């Protein structure tokens, strides 16, 4: 009887550095990922979690500009070469009383609302 060949899974080590626009956090530990799809999945999980936390905390901490935040993750391999970068942005805009309502924007010639570049 032949026994199944045991193949050791070869996982690569990656480092996930984070830049929040004010500080840079260098990952000194990293994690192992089975392939580049796993790297991207880890970036997506990490970036959404950190973004969610930063957006929720920024207004409470009187951040410099809580309505304009950009977070970036840079993935490095063990040789230090950047292999992937992802960015998550949050932009908030307060409307003054002179701006049209959403209903007025939608009713304008049947077109969807145009916020940027529309001459109010």
PDB file of N, CA and C in Angstrom:
ATOM      1  N   UNK A   1       0.849  -1.184   0.000  1.00  0.00           N
ATOM      2  CA  UNK A   1       0.000   0.000   0.000  1.00  0.00           C
ATOM      3  C   UNK A   1       0.886   1.236   0.000  1.00  0.00           C
ATOM      4  N   UNK A   2       0.576   2.188  -0.870  1.00  0.00           N
ATOM      5  CA  UNK A   2       1.331   3.430  -0.934  1.00  0.00           C
ATOM      6  C   UNK A   2       0.705   4.457  -0.001  1.00  0.00           C
ATOM      7  N   UNK A   3       1.548   5.144   0.730  1.00  0.00           N
ATOM      8  CA  UNK A   3       1.077   6.202   1.608  1.00  0.00           C
ATOM      9  C   UNK A   3       1.066   7.511   0.831  1.00  0.00           C
ATOM     10  N   UNK A   4       0.105   8.365   1.128  1.00  0.00           N
ATOM     11  CA  UNK A   4       0.078   9.650   0.419  1.00  0.00           C
ATOM     12  C   UNK A   4       1.350  10.437   0.732  1.00  0.00           C
ATOM     13  N   UNK A   5       1.855  11.103  -0.258  1.00  0.00           N
ATOM     14  CA  UNK A   5       3.048  11.907  -0.102  1.00  0.00           C
ATOM     15  C   UNK A   5       2.705  13.147   0.706  1.00  0.00           C
ATOM     16  N   UNK A   6       3.424  13.364   1.762  1.00  0.00           N
ATOM     17  CA  UNK A   6       3.205  14.534   2.602  1.00  0.00           C
ATOM     18  C   UNK A   6       4.015  15.691   2.022  1.00  0.00           C
ATOM     19  N   UNK A   7       3.330  16.709   1.575  1.00  0.00           N
ATOM     20  CA  UNK A   7       3.989  17.865   1.001  1.00  0.00           C
ATOM     21  C   UNK A   7       3.865  19.021   1.985  1.00  0.00           C
ATOM     22  N   UNK A   8       4.987  19.579   2.324  1.00  0.00           N
ATOM     23  CA  UNK A   8       4.982  20.712   3.250  1.00  0.00           C
ATOM     24  C   UNK A   8       4.510  21.955   2.506  1.00  0.00           C
ATOM     25  N   UNK A   9       3.557  22.632   3.077  1.00  0.00           N
ATOM     26  CA  UNK A   9       3.057  23.867   2.474  1.00  0.00           C
ATOM     27  C   UNK A   9       4.103  24.961   2.644  1.00  0.00           C
ATOM     28  N   UNK A  10       4.453  25.601   1.572  1.00  0.00           N
ATOM     29  CA  UNK A  10       5.454  26.659   1.629  1.00  0.00           C
ATOM     30  C   UNK A  10       4.733  28.002   1.646  1.00  0.00           C
ATOM     31  N   UNK A  11       4.755  28.626   2.797  1.00  0.00           N
ATOM     32  CA  UNK A  11       4.116  29.924   2.940  1.00  0.00           C
ATOM     33  C   UNK A  11       5.200  30.994   2.990  1.00  0.00           C
ATOM     34  N   UNK A  12       4.895  32.134   2.437  1.00  0.00           N
ATOM     35  CA  UNK A  12       5.840  33.245   2.446  1.00  0.00           C
ATOM     36  C   UNK A  12       5.466  34.230   3.539  1.00  0.00           C
ATOM     37  N   UNK A  13       6.476  34.940   4.015  1.00  0.00           N
ATOM     38  CA  UNK A  13       6.300  35.910   5.090  1.00  0.00           C
ATOM     39  C   UNK A  13       6.169  37.311   4.485  1.00  0.00           C
ATOM     40  N   UNK A  14       5.195  38.085   4.977  1.00  0.00           N
ATOM     41  CA  UNK A  14       4.953  39.431   4.479  1.00  0.00           C
ATOM     42  C   UNK A  14       4.776  40.394   5.635  1.00  0.00           C
ATOM     43  N   UNK A  15       5.128  41.654   5.395  1.00  0.00           N
ATOM     44  CA  UNK A  15       5.019  42.705   6.392  1.00  0.00           C
ATOM     45  C   UNK A  15       4.030  43.752   5.883  1.00  0.00           C
ATOM     46  N   UNK A  16       3.168  44.231   6.770  1.00  0.00           N
ATOM     47  CA  UNK A  16       2.084  45.135   6.410  1.00  0.00           C
ATOM     48  C   UNK A  16       2.286  46.468   7.133  1.00  0.00           C
ATOM     49  N   UNK A  17       2.902  47.429   6.443  1.00  0.00           N
ATOM     50  CA  UNK A  17       3.163  48.749   7.019  1.00  0.00           C
ATOM     51  C   UNK A  17       1.945  49.633   6.806  1.00  0.00           C
ATOM     52  N   UNK A  18       1.664  50.505   7.768  1.00  0.00           N
ATOM     53  CA  UNK A  18       0.474  51.353   7.723  1.00  0.00           C
ATOM     54  C   UNK A  18       0.870  52.819   7.819  1.00  0.00           C
ATOM     55  N   UNK A  19       0.259  53.640   6.968  1.00  0.00           N
ATOM     56  CA  UNK A  19       0.470  55.083   6.986  1.00  0.00           C
ATOM     57  C   UNK A  19      -0.895  55.746   7.104  1.00  0.00           C
ATOM     58  N   UNK A  20      -1.095  56.532   8.170  1.00  0.00           N
ATOM     59  CA  UNK A  20      -2.391  57.194   8.353  1.00  0.00           C
ATOM     60  C   UNK A  20      -2.352  58.669   7.967  1.00  0.00           C
ATOM     61  N   UNK A  21      -1.306  59.086   7.281  1.00  0.00           N
ATOM     62  CA  UNK A  21      -1.185  60.472   6.862  1.00  0.00           C
ATOM     63  C   UNK A  21      -0.453  61.347   7.860  1.00  0.00           C
ATOM     64  N   UNK A  22      -0.374  60.892   9.097  1.00  0.00           N
ATOM     65  CA  UNK A  22       0.354  61.631  10.127  1.00  0.00           C
ATOM     66  C   UNK A  22       1.486  60.798  10.716  1.00  0.00           C
ATOM     67  N   UNK A  23       1.294  59.495  10.721  1.00  0.00           N
ATOM     68  CA  UNK A  23       2.307  58.590  11.281  1.00  0.00           C
ATOM     69  C   UNK A  23       2.479  57.395  10.357  1.00  0.00           C
ATOM     70  N   UNK A  24       3.667  56.810  10.428  1.00  0.00           N
ATOM     71  CA  UNK A  24       3.969  55.609   9.664  1.00  0.00           C
ATOM     72  C   UNK A  24       4.275  54.500  10.657  1.00  0.00           C
ATOM     73  N   UNK A  25       3.573  53.396  10.540  1.00  0.00           N
ATOM     74  CA  UNK A  25       3.766  52.262  11.443  1.00  0.00           C
ATOM     75  C   UNK A  25       4.415  51.130  10.649  1.00  0.00           C
ATOM     76  N   UNK A  26       5.652  50.819  10.969  1.00  0.00           N
ATOM     77  CA  UNK A  26       6.380  49.760  10.273  1.00  0.00           C
ATOM     78  C   UNK A  26       6.130  48.438  10.979  1.00  0.00           C
ATOM     79  N   UNK A  27       5.655  47.464  10.234  1.00  0.00           N
ATOM     80  CA  UNK A  27       5.383  46.123  10.751  1.00  0.00           C
ATOM     81  C   UNK A  27       6.715  45.393  10.905  1.00  0.00           C
ATOM     82  N   UNK A  28       7.085  45.090  12.127  1.00  0.00           N
ATOM     83  CA  UNK A  28       8.347  44.397  12.385  1.00  0.00           C
ATOM     84  C   UNK A  28       8.151  42.895  12.552  1.00  0.00           C
ATOM     85  N   UNK A  29       6.885  42.450  12.634  1.00  0.00           N
ATOM     86  CA  UNK A  29       6.600  41.042  12.885  1.00  0.00           C
ATOM     87  C   UNK A  29       6.153  40.322  11.614  1.00  0.00           C
ATOM     88  N   UNK A  30       5.155  40.870  10.936  1.00  0.00           N
ATOM     89  CA  UNK A  30       4.637  40.270   9.715  1.00  0.00           C
ATOM     90  C   UNK A  30       3.842  39.006   9.975  1.00  0.00           C
ATOM     91  N   UNK A  31       3.312  38.444   8.892  1.00  0.00           N
ATOM     92  CA  UNK A  31       2.565  37.185   8.978  1.00  0.00           C
ATOM     93  C   UNK A  31       2.882  36.342   7.752  1.00  0.00           C
ATOM     94  N   UNK A  32       2.535  35.070   7.822  1.00  0.00           N
ATOM     95  CA  UNK A  32       2.719  34.166   6.694  1.00  0.00           C
ATOM     96  C   UNK A  32       1.426  34.075   5.907  1.00  0.00           C
ATOM     97  N   UNK A  33       1.558  34.104   4.580  1.00  0.00           N
ATOM     98  CA  UNK A  33       0.408  33.986   3.690  1.00  0.00           C
ATOM     99  C   UNK A  33       0.717  32.931   2.641  1.00  0.00           C
ATOM    100  N   UNK A  34      -0.282  32.153   2.302  1.00  0.00           N
ATOM    101  CA  UNK A  34      -0.107  31.059   1.361  1.00  0.00           C
ATOM    102  C   UNK A  34       0.093  31.494  -0.075  1.00  0.00           C
ATOM    103  N   UNK A  35      -0.506  32.630  -0.466  1.00  0.00           N
ATOM    104  CA  UNK A  35      -0.359  33.119  -1.832  1.00  0.00           C
ATOM    105  C   UNK A  35      -0.718  34.595  -1.863  1.00  0.00           C
ATOM    106  N   UNK A  36      -0.643  35.190  -3.040  1.00  0.00           N
ATOM    107  CA  UNK A  36      -0.908  36.624  -3.151  1.00  0.00           C
ATOM    108  C   UNK A  36      -2.369  36.972  -2.926  1.00  0.00           C
ATOM    109  N   UNK A  37      -3.268  36.018  -3.178  1.00  0.00           N
ATOM    110  CA  UNK A  37      -4.688  36.252  -2.869  1.00  0.00           C
ATOM    111  C   UNK A  37      -4.878  36.389  -1.358  1.00  0.00           C
ATOM    112  N   UNK A  38      -4.146  35.605  -0.593  1.00  0.00           N
ATOM    113  CA  UNK A  38      -4.211  35.691   0.871  1.00  0.00           C
ATOM    114  C   UNK A  38      -3.626  37.011   1.360  1.00  0.00           C
ATOM    115  N   UNK A  39      -2.594  37.503   0.679  1.00  0.00           N
ATOM    116  CA  UNK A  39      -2.015  38.805   1.029  1.00  0.00           C
ATOM    117  C   UNK A  39      -3.070  39.889   0.841  1.00  0.00           C
ATOM    118  N   UNK A  40      -3.730  39.881  -0.317  1.00  0.00           N
ATOM    119  CA  UNK A  40      -4.751  40.892  -0.586  1.00  0.00           C
ATOM    120  C   UNK A  40      -5.909  40.798   0.407  1.00  0.00           C
ATOM    121  N   UNK A  41      -6.314  39.593   0.739  1.00  0.00           N
ATOM    122  CA  UNK A  41      -7.397  39.412   1.711  1.00  0.00           C
ATOM    123  C   UNK A  41      -7.005  39.971   3.072  1.00  0.00           C
ATOM    124  N   UNK A  42      -5.767  39.761   3.476  1.00  0.00           N
ATOM    125  CA  UNK A  42      -5.287  40.298   4.755  1.00  0.00           C
ATOM    126  C   UNK A  42      -5.256  41.820   4.712  1.00  0.00           C
ATOM    127  N   UNK A  43      -4.826  42.376   3.592  1.00  0.00           N
ATOM    128  CA  UNK A  43      -4.830  43.839   3.437  1.00  0.00           C
ATOM    129  C   UNK A  43      -6.253  44.367   3.570  1.00  0.00           C
ATOM    130  N   UNK A  44      -7.203  43.739   2.905  1.00  0.00           N
ATOM    131  CA  UNK A  44      -8.599  44.186   2.955  1.00  0.00           C
ATOM    132  C   UNK A  44      -9.142  44.121   4.382  1.00  0.00           C
ATOM    133  N   UNK A  45      -8.875  43.019   5.079  1.00  0.00           N
ATOM    134  CA  UNK A  45      -9.349  42.893   6.469  1.00  0.00           C
ATOM    135  C   UNK A  45      -8.727  43.964   7.363  1.00  0.00           C
ATOM    136  N   UNK A  46      -7.427  44.120   7.257  1.00  0.00           N
ATOM    137  CA  UNK A  46      -6.718  45.068   8.116  1.00  0.00           C
ATOM    138  C   UNK A  46      -7.111  46.503   7.809  1.00  0.00           C
ATOM    139  N   UNK A  47      -7.121  46.844   6.538  1.00  0.00           N
ATOM    140  CA  UNK A  47      -7.411  48.223   6.153  1.00  0.00           C
ATOM    141  C   UNK A  47      -8.827  48.635   6.522  1.00  0.00           C
ATOM    142  N   UNK A  48      -9.798  47.761   6.338  1.00  0.00           N
ATOM    143  CA  UNK A  48     -11.170  48.119   6.709  1.00  0.00           C
ATOM    144  C   UNK A  48     -11.322  48.247   8.219  1.00  0.00           C
ATOM    145  N   UNK A  49     -10.664  47.384   8.986  1.00  0.00           N
ATOM    146  CA  UNK A  49     -10.751  47.464  10.452  1.00  0.00           C
ATOM    147  C   UNK A  49     -10.084  48.739  10.975  1.00  0.00           C
ATOM    148  N   UNK A  50      -8.910  49.041  10.481  1.00  0.00           N
ATOM    149  CA  UNK A  50      -8.191  50.234  10.946  1.00  0.00           C
ATOM    150  C   UNK A  50      -8.929  51.493  10.506  1.00  0.00           C
ATOM    151  N   UNK A  51      -9.440  51.504   9.286  1.00  0.00           N
ATOM    152  CA  UNK A  51     -10.187  52.665   8.799  1.00  0.00           C
ATOM    153  C   UNK A  51     -11.430  52.888   9.648  1.00  0.00           C
ATOM    154  N   UNK A  52     -12.156  51.814   9.916  1.00  0.00           N
ATOM    155  CA  UNK A  52     -13.366  51.929  10.746  1.00  0.00           C
ATOM    156  C   UNK A  52     -13.025  52.527  12.102  1.00  0.00           C
ATOM    157  N   UNK A  53     -11.978  52.041  12.728  1.00  0.00           N
ATOM    158  CA  UNK A  53     -11.582  52.549  14.045  1.00  0.00           C
ATOM    159  C   UNK A  53     -11.141  54.010  13.971  1.00  0.00           C
ATOM    160  N   UNK A  54     -10.340  54.358  12.966  1.00  0.00           N
ATOM    161  CA  UNK A  54      -9.853  55.734  12.849  1.00  0.00           C
ATOM    162  C   UNK A  54     -10.976  56.716  12.563  1.00  0.00           C
ATOM    163  N   UNK A  55     -11.923  56.359  11.716  1.00  0.00           N
ATOM    164  CA  UNK A  55     -13.025  57.255  11.391  1.00  0.00           C
ATOM    165  C   UNK A  55     -13.910  57.466  12.610  1.00  0.00           C
ATOM    166  N   UNK A  56     -14.124  56.431  13.384  1.00  0.00           N
ATOM    167  CA  UNK A  56     -14.964  56.544  14.583  1.00  0.00           C
ATOM    168  C   UNK A  56     -14.291  57.362  15.669  1.00  0.00           C
ATOM    169  N   UNK A  57     -12.980  57.262  15.794  1.00  0.00           N
ATOM    170  CA  UNK A  57     -12.254  57.922  16.880  1.00  0.00           C
ATOM    171  C   UNK A  57     -11.854  59.347  16.529  1.00  0.00           C
ATOM    172  N   UNK A  58     -11.572  59.640  15.278  1.00  0.00           N
ATOM    173  CA  UNK A  58     -11.047  60.947  14.880  1.00  0.00           C
ATOM    174  C   UNK A  58     -11.905  62.122  15.342  1.00  0.00           C
ATOM    175  N   UNK A  59     -13.237  62.102  15.145  1.00  0.00           N
ATOM    176  CA  UNK A  59     -14.030  63.246  15.609  1.00  0.00           C
ATOM    177  C   UNK A  59     -13.980  63.421  17.124  1.00  0.00           C
ATOM    178  N   UNK A  60     -13.837  62.336  17.845  1.00  0.00           N
ATOM    179  CA  UNK A  60     -13.789  62.411  19.306  1.00  0.00           C
ATOM    180  C   UNK A  60     -12.441  62.941  19.797  1.00  0.00           C
ATOM    181  N   UNK A  61     -11.395  62.734  19.017  1.00  0.00           N
ATOM    182  CA  UNK A  61     -10.061  63.142  19.434  1.00  0.00           C
ATOM    183  C   UNK A  61      -9.685  64.521  18.899  1.00  0.00           C
ATOM    184  N   UNK A  62     -10.657  65.222  18.298  1.00  0.00           N
ATOM    185  CA  UNK A  62     -10.394  66.523  17.688  1.00  0.00           C
ATOM    186  C   UNK A  62      -9.241  66.441  16.704  1.00  0.00           C
ATOM    187  N   UNK A  63      -9.272  65.409  15.885  1.00  0.00           N
ATOM    188  CA  UNK A  63      -8.237  65.229  14.868  1.00  0.00           C
ATOM    189  C   UNK A  63      -8.178  66.461  13.983  1.00  0.00           C
ATOM    190  N   UNK A  64      -7.020  66.682  13.397  1.00  0.00           N
ATOM    191  CA  UNK A  64      -6.795  67.863  12.575  1.00  0.00           C
ATOM    192  C   UNK A  64      -7.893  68.034  11.528  1.00  0.00           C
ATOM    193  N   UNK A  65      -8.226  66.988  10.839  1.00  0.00           N
ATOM    194  CA  UNK A  65      -9.286  67.047   9.834  1.00  0.00           C
ATOM    195  C   UNK A  65      -9.993  65.699   9.790  1.00  0.00           C
ATOM    196  N   UNK A  66     -10.952  65.535  10.677  1.00  0.00           N
ATOM    197  CA  UNK A  66     -11.636  64.249  10.818  1.00  0.00           C
ATOM    198  C   UNK A  66     -12.429  63.868   9.572  1.00  0.00           C
ATOM    199  N   UNK A  67     -12.780  64.842   8.739  1.00  0.00           N
ATOM    200  CA  UNK A  67     -13.572  64.540   7.545  1.00  0.00           C
ATOM    201  C   UNK A  67     -12.735  64.216   6.318  1.00  0.00           C
ATOM    202  N   UNK A  68     -11.436  64.230   6.449  1.00  0.00           N
ATOM    203  CA  UNK A  68     -10.556  63.898   5.327  1.00  0.00           C
ATOM    204  C   UNK A  68      -9.440  63.011   5.844  1.00  0.00           C
ATOM    205  N   UNK A  69      -9.614  61.715   5.671  1.00  0.00           N
ATOM    206  CA  UNK A  69      -8.630  60.763   6.158  1.00  0.00           C
ATOM    207  C   UNK A  69      -8.283  59.772   5.056  1.00  0.00           C
ATOM    208  N   UNK A  70      -7.003  59.474   4.967  1.00  0.00           N
ATOM    209  CA  UNK A  70      -6.544  58.475   4.019  1.00  0.00           C
ATOM    210  C   UNK A  70      -5.603  57.528   4.743  1.00  0.00           C
ATOM    211  N   UNK A  71      -5.862  56.252   4.606  1.00  0.00           N
ATOM    212  CA  UNK A  71      -5.008  55.228   5.201  1.00  0.00           C
ATOM    213  C   UNK A  71      -4.445  54.368   4.085  1.00  0.00           C
ATOM    214  N   UNK A  72      -3.164  54.043   4.211  1.00  0.00           N
ATOM    215  CA  UNK A  72      -2.514  53.217   3.200  1.00  0.00           C
ATOM    216  C   UNK A  72      -1.794  52.061   3.865  1.00  0.00           C
ATOM    217  N   UNK A  73      -1.816  50.924   3.197  1.00  0.00           N
ATOM    218  CA  UNK A  73      -1.016  49.775   3.633  1.00  0.00           C
ATOM    219  C   UNK A  73      -0.044  49.454   2.509  1.00  0.00           C
ATOM    220  N   UNK A  74       1.206  49.264   2.911  1.00  0.00           N
ATOM    221  CA  UNK A  74       2.266  48.847   2.001  1.00  0.00           C
ATOM    222  C   UNK A  74       2.696  47.457   2.427  1.00  0.00           C
ATOM    223  N   UNK A  75       2.648  46.515   1.525  1.00  0.00           N
ATOM    224  CA  UNK A  75       3.056  45.142   1.840  1.00  0.00           C
ATOM    225  C   UNK A  75       4.472  44.933   1.309  1.00  0.00           C
ATOM    226  N   UNK A  76       5.329  44.420   2.191  1.00  0.00           N
ATOM    227  CA  UNK A  76       6.711  44.108   1.823  1.00  0.00           C
ATOM    228  C   UNK A  76       6.944  42.610   1.947  1.00  0.00           C
ATOM    229  N   UNK A  77       7.824  42.090   1.089  1.00  0.00           N
ATOM    230  CA  UNK A  77       8.249  40.697   1.246  1.00  0.00           C
ATOM    231  C   UNK A  77       9.475  40.664   2.161  1.00  0.00           C
ATOM    232  N   UNK A  78      10.035  39.502   2.364  1.00  0.00           N
ATOM    233  CA  UNK A  78      11.152  39.374   3.311  1.00  0.00           C
ATOM    234  C   UNK A  78      12.418  40.090   2.844  1.00  0.00           C
ATOM    235  N   UNK A  79      12.531  40.372   1.563  1.00  0.00           N
ATOM    236  CA  UNK A  79      13.696  41.122   1.081  1.00  0.00           C
ATOM    237  C   UNK A  79      13.477  42.625   1.198  1.00  0.00           C
ATOM    238  N   UNK A  80      12.299  43.033   1.679  1.00  0.00           N
ATOM    239  CA  UNK A  80      12.013  44.447   1.885  1.00  0.00           C
ATOM    240  C   UNK A  80      11.390  45.140   0.686  1.00  0.00           C
ATOM    241  N   UNK A  81      11.166  44.413  -0.373  1.00  0.00           N
ATOM    242  CA  UNK A  81      10.587  44.983  -1.584  1.00  0.00           C
ATOM    243  C   UNK A  81       9.075  45.130  -1.429  1.00  0.00           C
ATOM    244  N   UNK A  82       8.548  46.309  -1.761  1.00  0.00           N
ATOM    245  CA  UNK A  82       7.100  46.528  -1.723  1.00  0.00           C
ATOM    246  C   UNK A  82       6.461  45.731  -2.857  1.00  0.00           C
ATOM    247  N   UNK A  83       5.446  44.938  -2.509  1.00  0.00           N
ATOM    248  CA  UNK A  83       4.786  44.113  -3.527  1.00  0.00           C
ATOM    249  C   UNK A  83       3.326  44.504  -3.751  1.00  0.00           C
ATOM    250  N   UNK A  84       2.750  45.270  -2.824  1.00  0.00           N
ATOM    251  CA  UNK A  84       1.332  45.622  -2.956  1.00  0.00           C
ATOM    252  C   UNK A  84       1.065  46.848  -2.103  1.00  0.00           C
ATOM    253  N   UNK A  85       0.217  47.738  -2.607  1.00  0.00           N
ATOM    254  CA  UNK A  85      -0.201  48.925  -1.863  1.00  0.00           C
ATOM    255  C   UNK A  85      -1.701  49.076  -2.013  1.00  0.00           C
ATOM    256  N   UNK A  86      -2.372  49.419  -0.924  1.00  0.00           N
ATOM    257  CA  UNK A  86      -3.811  49.670  -0.972  1.00  0.00           C
ATOM    258  C   UNK A  86      -4.118  50.929  -0.167  1.00  0.00           C
ATOM    259  N   UNK A  87      -5.140  51.649  -0.603  1.00  0.00           N
ATOM    260  CA  UNK A  87      -5.520  52.910   0.033  1.00  0.00           C
ATOM    261  C   UNK A  87      -7.008  52.909   0.334  1.00  0.00           C
ATOM    262  N   UNK A  88      -7.361  53.453   1.484  1.00  0.00           N
ATOM    263  CA  UNK A  88      -8.761  53.634   1.858  1.00  0.00           C
ATOM    264  C   UNK A  88      -8.917  55.103   2.244  1.00  0.00           C
ATOM    265  N   UNK A  89      -9.891  55.765   1.651  1.00  0.00           N
ATOM    266  CA  UNK A  89     -10.104  57.187   1.925  1.00  0.00           C
ATOM    267  C   UNK A  89     -11.499  57.419   2.479  1.00  0.00           C
ATOM    268  N   UNK A  90     -11.582  58.364   3.390  1.00  0.00           N
ATOM    269  CA  UNK A  90     -12.862  58.816   3.934  1.00  0.00           C
ATOM    270  C   UNK A  90     -12.918  60.319   3.733  1.00  0.00           C
ATOM    271  N   UNK A  91     -13.977  60.788   3.078  1.00  0.00           N
ATOM    272  CA  UNK A  91     -14.152  62.218   2.870  1.00  0.00           C
ATOM    273  C   UNK A  91     -15.568  62.589   3.262  1.00  0.00           C
ATOM    274  N   UNK A  92     -15.676  63.505   4.196  1.00  0.00           N
ATOM    275  CA  UNK A  92     -16.978  64.007   4.620  1.00  0.00           C
ATOM    276  C   UNK A  92     -17.123  65.455   4.194  1.00  0.00           C
ATOM    277  N   UNK A  93     -18.330  65.865   3.886  1.00  0.00           N
ATOM    278  CA  UNK A  93     -18.586  67.230   3.435  1.00  0.00           C
ATOM    279  C   UNK A  93     -19.842  67.752   4.112  1.00  0.00           C
ATOM    280  N   UNK A  94     -19.696  68.832   4.865  1.00  0.00           N
ATOM    281  CA  UNK A  94     -20.846  69.480   5.474  1.00  0.00           C
ATOM    282  C   UNK A  94     -21.473  70.423   4.461  1.00  0.00           C
ATOM    283  N   UNK A  95     -22.805  70.413   4.367  1.00  0.00           N
ATOM    284  CA  UNK A  95     -23.522  71.273   3.426  1.00  0.00           C
ATOM    285  C   UNK A  95     -24.081  72.465   4.171  1.00  0.00           C
ATOM    286  N   UNK A  96     -23.950  73.649   3.572  1.00  0.00           N
ATOM    287  CA  UNK A  96     -24.545  74.817   4.204  1.00  0.00           C
ATOM    288  C   UNK A  96     -26.001  74.939   3.762  1.00  0.00           C
ATOM    289  N   UNK A  97     -26.680  75.921   4.310  1.00  0.00           N
ATOM    290  CA  UNK A  97     -28.117  76.058   4.041  1.00  0.00           C
ATOM    291  C   UNK A  97     -28.424  76.455   2.607  1.00  0.00           C
ATOM    292  N   UNK A  98     -27.454  77.002   1.865  1.00  0.00           N
ATOM    293  CA  UNK A  98     -27.702  77.446   0.510  1.00  0.00           C
ATOM    294  C   UNK A  98     -27.653  76.332  -0.520  1.00  0.00           C
ATOM    295  N   UNK A  99     -27.277  75.147  -0.121  1.00  0.00           N
ATOM    296  CA  UNK A  99     -27.168  74.053  -1.082  1.00  0.00           C
ATOM    297  C   UNK A  99     -28.531  73.414  -1.314  1.00  0.00           C
ATOM    298  N   UNK A 100     -28.776  72.923  -2.513  1.00  0.00           N
ATOM    299  CA  UNK A 100     -30.056  72.271  -2.798  1.00  0.00           C
ATOM    300  C   UNK A 100     -30.191  70.962  -2.024  1.00  0.00           C
ATOM    301  N   UNK A 101     -31.420  70.553  -1.831  1.00  0.00           N
ATOM    302  CA  UNK A 101     -31.665  69.277  -1.177  1.00  0.00           C
ATOM    303  C   UNK A 101     -31.379  68.146  -2.151  1.00  0.00           C
ATOM    304  N   UNK A 102     -31.275  66.947  -1.635  1.00  0.00           N
ATOM    305  CA  UNK A 102     -31.056  65.784  -2.497  1.00  0.00           C
ATOM    306  C   UNK A 102     -32.217  65.639  -3.471  1.00  0.00           C
ATOM    307  N   UNK A 103     -33.433  65.880  -3.011  1.00  0.00           N
ATOM    308  CA  UNK A 103     -34.604  65.785  -3.884  1.00  0.00           C
ATOM    309  C   UNK A 103     -34.499  66.788  -5.024  1.00  0.00           C
ATOM    310  N   UNK A 104     -34.082  68.010  -4.725  1.00  0.00           N
ATOM    311  CA  UNK A 104     -33.927  69.023  -5.777  1.00  0.00           C
ATOM    312  C   UNK A 104     -32.855  68.598  -6.776  1.00  0.00           C
ATOM    313  N   UNK A 105     -31.797  68.007  -6.297  1.00  0.00           N
ATOM    314  CA  UNK A 105     -30.732  67.558  -7.191  1.00  0.00           C
ATOM    315  C   UNK A 105     -31.220  66.442  -8.105  1.00  0.00           C
ATOM    316  N   UNK A 106     -31.981  65.502  -7.549  1.00  0.00           N
ATOM    317  CA  UNK A 106     -32.473  64.383  -8.351  1.00  0.00           C
ATOM    318  C   UNK A 106     -33.505  64.846  -9.376  1.00  0.00           C
ATOM    319  N   UNK A 107     -34.283  65.860  -9.050  1.00  0.00           N
ATOM    320  CA  UNK A 107     -35.328  66.319  -9.949  1.00  0.00           C
ATOM    321  C   UNK A 107     -34.796  67.220 -11.061  1.00  0.00           C
ATOM    322  N   UNK A 108     -33.566  67.650 -10.978  1.00  0.00           N
ATOM    323  CA  UNK A 108     -32.975  68.544 -11.977  1.00  0.00           C
ATOM    324  C   UNK A 108     -32.815  67.788 -13.300  1.00  0.00           C
ATOM    325  N   UNK A 109     -33.724  67.981 -14.195  1.00  0.00           N
ATOM    326  CA  UNK A 109     -33.692  67.367 -15.536  1.00  0.00           C
ATOM    327  C   UNK A 109     -33.611  65.847 -15.504  1.00  0.00           C
ATOM    328  N   UNK A 110     -33.999  65.219 -14.406  1.00  0.00           N
ATOM    329  CA  UNK A 110     -33.998  63.767 -14.329  1.00  0.00           C
ATOM    330  C   UNK A 110     -32.624  63.143 -14.169  1.00  0.00           C
ATOM    331  N   UNK A 111     -31.598  63.953 -13.986  1.00  0.00           N
ATOM    332  CA  UNK A 111     -30.248  63.419 -13.826  1.00  0.00           C
ATOM    333  C   UNK A 111     -29.956  63.145 -12.354  1.00  0.00           C
ATOM    334  N   UNK A 112     -29.056  62.223 -12.081  1.00  0.00           N
ATOM    335  CA  UNK A 112     -28.680  61.965 -10.686  1.00  0.00           C
ATOM    336  C   UNK A 112     -27.936  63.161 -10.105  1.00  0.00           C
ATOM    337  N   UNK A 113     -27.778  63.191  -8.797  1.00  0.00           N
ATOM    338  CA  UNK A 113     -27.147  64.350  -8.166  1.00  0.00           C
ATOM    339  C   UNK A 113     -25.689  64.505  -8.584  1.00  0.00           C
ATOM    340  N   UNK A 114     -25.323  65.748  -8.806  1.00  0.00           N
ATOM    341  CA  UNK A 114     -23.926  66.088  -9.096  1.00  0.00           C
ATOM    342  C   UNK A 114     -23.463  67.015  -7.982  1.00  0.00           C
ATOM    343  N   UNK A 115     -22.619  66.529  -7.125  1.00  0.00           N
ATOM    344  CA  UNK A 115     -22.136  67.355  -6.024  1.00  0.00           C
ATOM    345  C   UNK A 115     -20.882  68.106  -6.452  1.00  0.00           C
ATOM    346  N   UNK A 116     -19.940  67.385  -7.036  1.00  0.00           N
ATOM    347  CA  UNK A 116     -18.660  67.996  -7.412  1.00  0.00           C
ATOM    348  C   UNK A 116     -18.772  68.642  -8.783  1.00  0.00           C
ATOM    349  N   UNK A 117     -18.380  69.876  -8.886  1.00  0.00           N
ATOM    350  CA  UNK A 117     -18.326  70.553 -10.157  1.00  0.00           C
ATOM    351  C   UNK A 117     -19.653  71.155 -10.611  1.00  0.00           C
ATOM    352  N   UNK A 118     -20.713  70.974  -9.854  1.00  0.00           N
ATOM    353  CA  UNK A 118     -22.010  71.544 -10.230  1.00  0.00           C
ATOM    354  C   UNK A 118     -22.083  72.965  -9.685  1.00  0.00           C
ATOM    355  N   UNK A 119     -22.437  73.906 -10.536  1.00  0.00           N
ATOM    356  CA  UNK A 119     -22.507  75.314 -10.146  1.00  0.00           C
ATOM    357  C   UNK A 119     -23.852  75.574  -9.455  1.00  0.00           C
ATOM    358  N   UNK A 120     -23.821  75.682  -8.147  1.00  0.00           N
ATOM    359  CA  UNK A 120     -25.054  75.933  -7.393  1.00  0.00           C
ATOM    360  C   UNK A 120     -25.390  77.390  -7.496  1.00  0.00           C
TER     361      UNK A 120
END
